[in-house]
Amino acid sequence: MDQEREINNILLGTAVCFKSELELLELGELISNRIFGGLHFGGLDDHICEEIPAIYIDESILGFQVILYGFREEHYCLDFSLYLSSPRMVGKDILNYDFINNGFREHMKFILKQIPELDVMDE
């Protein structure tokens, strides 16, 4: 596989998991108001995660798709995904994807830990 094709569609992103007594839609509203300026989580009927209840913010945030999924009293995950579609956007020799994903996950865990209704898992 040539380098240009290998760089296309590389996923940057992460998921942060937590427990909460709140229902999925309540969590979406809470997280949206605290972190995303009130952008609406919707799409519950779209079944984007097959059998797992999931909602998402329709607008991308800095290019990331944001999905909240899971079950009450078990655990939820807030997922951030970004696909880089142009090889000109990044070069393998200058970007360490694991470093970025891990750093982003730690940053999001820190932000979510500020919300008392969430019990963020340290995984």
Protein backbone atom coordinates (compact mmCIF):
# COMPACT_ATOMS: atom_id res chain seq x y z
CA MET A 1 0.00 0.00 0.00
CA ASP A 2 1.49 3.37 -0.92
CA GLN A 3 2.01 6.05 1.73
CA GLU A 4 -0.68 8.39 0.34
CA ARG A 5 -3.37 5.71 0.55
CA GLU A 6 -2.16 4.64 3.99
CA ILE A 7 -2.56 8.17 5.38
CA ASN A 8 -6.07 8.63 3.96
CA ASN A 9 -8.94 8.14 6.40
CA ILE A 10 -6.81 7.74 9.50
CA LEU A 11 -9.05 7.98 12.54
CA LEU A 12 -8.19 10.38 15.30
CA GLY A 13 -10.38 10.25 18.32
CA THR A 14 -11.21 8.50 21.49
CA ALA A 15 -13.99 7.44 23.81
CA VAL A 16 -14.29 8.31 27.49
CA CYS A 17 -16.49 5.99 29.55
CA PHE A 18 -18.32 6.78 32.78
CA LYS A 19 -21.19 5.70 35.01
CA SER A 20 -24.25 7.80 35.77
CA GLU A 21 -27.71 7.39 37.28
CA LEU A 22 -29.14 9.65 34.55
CA GLU A 23 -30.95 8.47 31.44
CA LEU A 24 -29.25 8.85 28.05
CA LEU A 25 -31.23 11.92 26.94
CA GLU A 26 -30.74 13.62 30.33
CA LEU A 27 -27.01 12.96 30.05
CA GLY A 28 -26.93 14.38 26.55
CA GLU A 29 -28.55 17.60 27.71
CA LEU A 30 -26.27 17.88 30.75
CA ILE A 31 -23.06 17.23 28.80
CA SER A 32 -24.13 19.50 25.98
CA ASN A 33 -24.86 22.39 28.35
CA ARG A 34 -21.60 21.93 30.27
CA ILE A 35 -19.21 21.25 27.39
CA PHE A 36 -20.74 21.93 23.97
CA GLY A 37 -22.59 25.22 24.43
CA GLY A 38 -26.03 23.63 24.35
CA LEU A 39 -25.69 21.91 20.96
CA HIS A 40 -28.50 19.35 20.80
CA PHE A 41 -27.87 15.61 21.07
CA GLY A 42 -30.44 13.76 18.98
CA GLY A 43 -30.86 10.83 16.66
CA LEU A 44 -31.94 8.21 19.20
CA ASP A 45 -34.24 6.67 16.59
CA ASP A 46 -31.39 6.50 14.02
CA HIS A 47 -29.90 3.43 15.78
CA ILE A 48 -26.36 4.47 14.82
CA CYS A 49 -24.82 1.97 17.28
CA GLU A 50 -27.12 -0.92 16.35
CA GLU A 51 -28.58 -2.33 19.60
CA ILE A 52 -26.91 0.14 21.96
CA PRO A 53 -28.91 3.33 22.64
CA ALA A 54 -26.98 6.27 21.17
CA ILE A 55 -27.42 9.97 20.47
CA TYR A 56 -25.17 12.39 18.65
CA ILE A 57 -24.58 16.06 17.96
CA ASP A 58 -25.48 16.71 14.33
CA GLU A 59 -22.92 19.50 13.92
CA SER A 60 -19.25 18.55 13.91
CA ILE A 61 -17.09 20.13 16.61
CA LEU A 62 -13.64 21.03 15.28
CA GLY A 63 -14.27 18.31 12.71
CA PHE A 64 -15.11 15.67 15.32
CA GLN A 65 -18.32 13.67 15.33
CA VAL A 66 -19.58 13.39 18.93
CA ILE A 67 -21.65 10.35 19.97
CA LEU A 68 -22.97 9.47 23.43
CA TYR A 69 -24.00 5.85 23.92
CA GLY A 70 -24.68 3.31 26.63
CA PHE A 71 -27.07 2.10 29.27
CA ARG A 72 -28.21 3.65 32.57
CA GLU A 73 -26.50 2.30 35.71
CA GLU A 74 -24.03 0.28 33.66
CA HIS A 75 -21.91 2.70 31.73
CA TYR A 76 -21.93 5.28 29.01
CA CYS A 77 -19.25 6.39 26.58
CA LEU A 78 -18.73 9.76 24.94
CA ASP A 79 -17.03 9.10 21.62
CA PHE A 80 -15.09 11.62 19.51
CA SER A 81 -14.13 10.60 15.96
CA LEU A 82 -12.30 12.47 13.21
CA TYR A 83 -11.31 11.01 9.86
CA LEU A 84 -8.50 12.74 8.02
CA SER A 85 -9.37 12.36 4.37
CA SER A 86 -6.54 14.28 2.77
CA PRO A 87 -2.95 13.04 2.83
CA ARG A 88 -1.83 16.68 2.71
CA MET A 89 -3.38 17.26 6.16
CA VAL A 90 -0.84 15.11 7.98
CA GLY A 91 2.44 13.30 7.44
CA LYS A 92 3.29 10.07 9.22
CA ASP A 93 6.77 11.30 10.13
CA ILE A 94 5.45 14.39 11.95
CA LEU A 95 2.38 13.03 13.73
CA ASN A 96 2.08 10.32 16.37
CA TYR A 97 -1.58 9.30 16.34
CA ASP A 98 -1.48 7.31 19.59
CA PHE A 99 0.02 10.30 21.39
CA ILE A 100 -2.73 12.58 20.11
CA ASN A 101 -5.52 10.11 20.91
CA ASN A 102 -4.18 9.44 24.42
CA GLY A 103 -3.68 13.13 25.14
CA PHE A 104 -7.15 13.96 23.88
CA ARG A 105 -8.68 11.16 25.99
CA GLU A 106 -6.92 12.41 29.14
CA HIS A 107 -8.10 15.97 28.44
CA MET A 108 -11.71 14.85 27.95
CA LYS A 109 -11.56 12.70 31.11
CA PHE A 110 -10.40 15.76 33.04
CA ILE A 111 -13.29 17.85 31.66
CA LEU A 112 -15.91 15.16 32.32
CA LYS A 113 -14.65 14.63 35.88
CA GLN A 114 -15.77 18.21 36.58
CA ILE A 115 -19.40 17.10 36.16
CA PRO A 116 -20.54 15.67 39.53
CA GLU A 117 -23.28 13.50 37.98
CA LEU A 118 -20.63 11.44 36.18
CA ASP A 119 -18.28 8.82 37.60
CA VAL A 120 -15.52 8.75 34.98
CA MET A 121 -13.76 5.40 34.58
CA ASP A 122 -9.97 5.49 34.58
CA GLU A 123 -9.74 2.35 32.40
